[in-house]
Amino acid sequence: MNRAFLIILVPAILVALGYVMVFRFLGLAPTYTRFIVGGVVFLAAAFWLWPRKSARSAKGVK
């Protein structure tokens, strides 16, 4: 897995867990749907921006 991807993903997961803990401490029920949708959107954007092998090999062939 790409190191830059981990540099972004690990703090994002920690922040999400922090929000859940703060909401529980305040007595509010956090909606996990928002976190799941955010995670799916993040993974979809990462997949969309990930370089394709075919595009990389096509640039090298002239």
Protein backbone atom coordinates (compact mmCIF):
# COMPACT_ATOMS: atom_id res chain seq x y z
CA MET A 1 0.00 0.00 0.00
CA ASN A 2 1.23 3.46 -0.83
CA ARG A 3 2.82 5.27 2.12
CA ALA A 4 1.10 8.57 1.27
CA PHE A 5 -2.26 6.81 1.35
CA LEU A 6 -1.51 5.56 4.87
CA ILE A 7 -0.35 9.01 5.97
CA ILE A 8 -3.81 10.33 5.08
CA LEU A 9 -5.92 7.33 6.08
CA VAL A 10 -4.58 6.67 9.59
CA PRO A 11 -5.17 10.22 10.93
CA ALA A 12 -8.60 10.30 9.27
CA ILE A 13 -9.58 7.11 11.10
CA LEU A 14 -8.23 8.50 14.38
CA VAL A 15 -10.21 11.72 13.94
CA ALA A 16 -13.39 9.76 13.21
CA LEU A 17 -12.86 7.65 16.34
CA GLY A 18 -12.24 10.84 18.32
CA TYR A 19 -15.55 12.30 17.14
CA VAL A 20 -17.37 9.12 18.15
CA MET A 21 -15.78 9.21 21.62
CA VAL A 22 -16.61 12.91 22.11
CA PHE A 23 -20.22 12.39 21.03
CA ARG A 24 -20.56 9.44 23.42
CA PHE A 25 -19.00 11.47 26.24
CA LEU A 26 -21.53 14.25 25.63
CA GLY A 27 -24.38 11.75 25.65
CA LEU A 28 -25.27 12.22 21.99
CA ALA A 29 -25.87 9.27 19.72
CA PRO A 30 -23.51 9.57 16.75
CA THR A 31 -24.84 8.47 13.40
CA TYR A 32 -22.45 5.97 11.91
CA THR A 33 -24.05 6.40 8.50
CA ARG A 34 -22.24 9.72 8.07
CA PHE A 35 -18.87 8.10 8.82
CA ILE A 36 -19.57 5.15 6.53
CA VAL A 37 -20.64 7.41 3.66
CA GLY A 38 -17.57 9.59 4.20
CA GLY A 39 -15.32 6.53 4.13
CA VAL A 40 -16.92 5.22 0.96
CA VAL A 41 -16.56 8.62 -0.71
CA PHE A 42 -12.91 8.80 0.36
CA LEU A 43 -12.14 5.32 -0.97
CA ALA A 44 -13.98 6.02 -4.23
CA ALA A 45 -11.99 9.24 -4.73
CA ALA A 46 -8.72 7.44 -3.92
CA PHE A 47 -9.57 4.69 -6.41
CA TRP A 48 -10.51 7.25 -9.05
CA LEU A 49 -7.25 9.19 -8.57
CA TRP A 50 -5.03 6.09 -8.35
CA PRO A 51 -2.85 5.85 -11.49
CA ARG A 52 -3.76 3.03 -13.82
CA LYS A 53 -1.03 0.63 -15.01
CA SER A 54 -2.33 0.73 -18.58
CA ALA A 55 -2.13 4.54 -18.66
CA ARG A 56 1.44 4.47 -17.35
CA SER A 57 2.58 1.90 -19.94
CA ALA A 58 0.77 3.74 -22.74
CA LYS A 59 2.77 6.92 -22.04
CA GLY A 60 6.07 5.06 -22.41
CA VAL A 61 5.22 3.57 -25.81
CA LYS A 62 5.61 5.94 -28.77
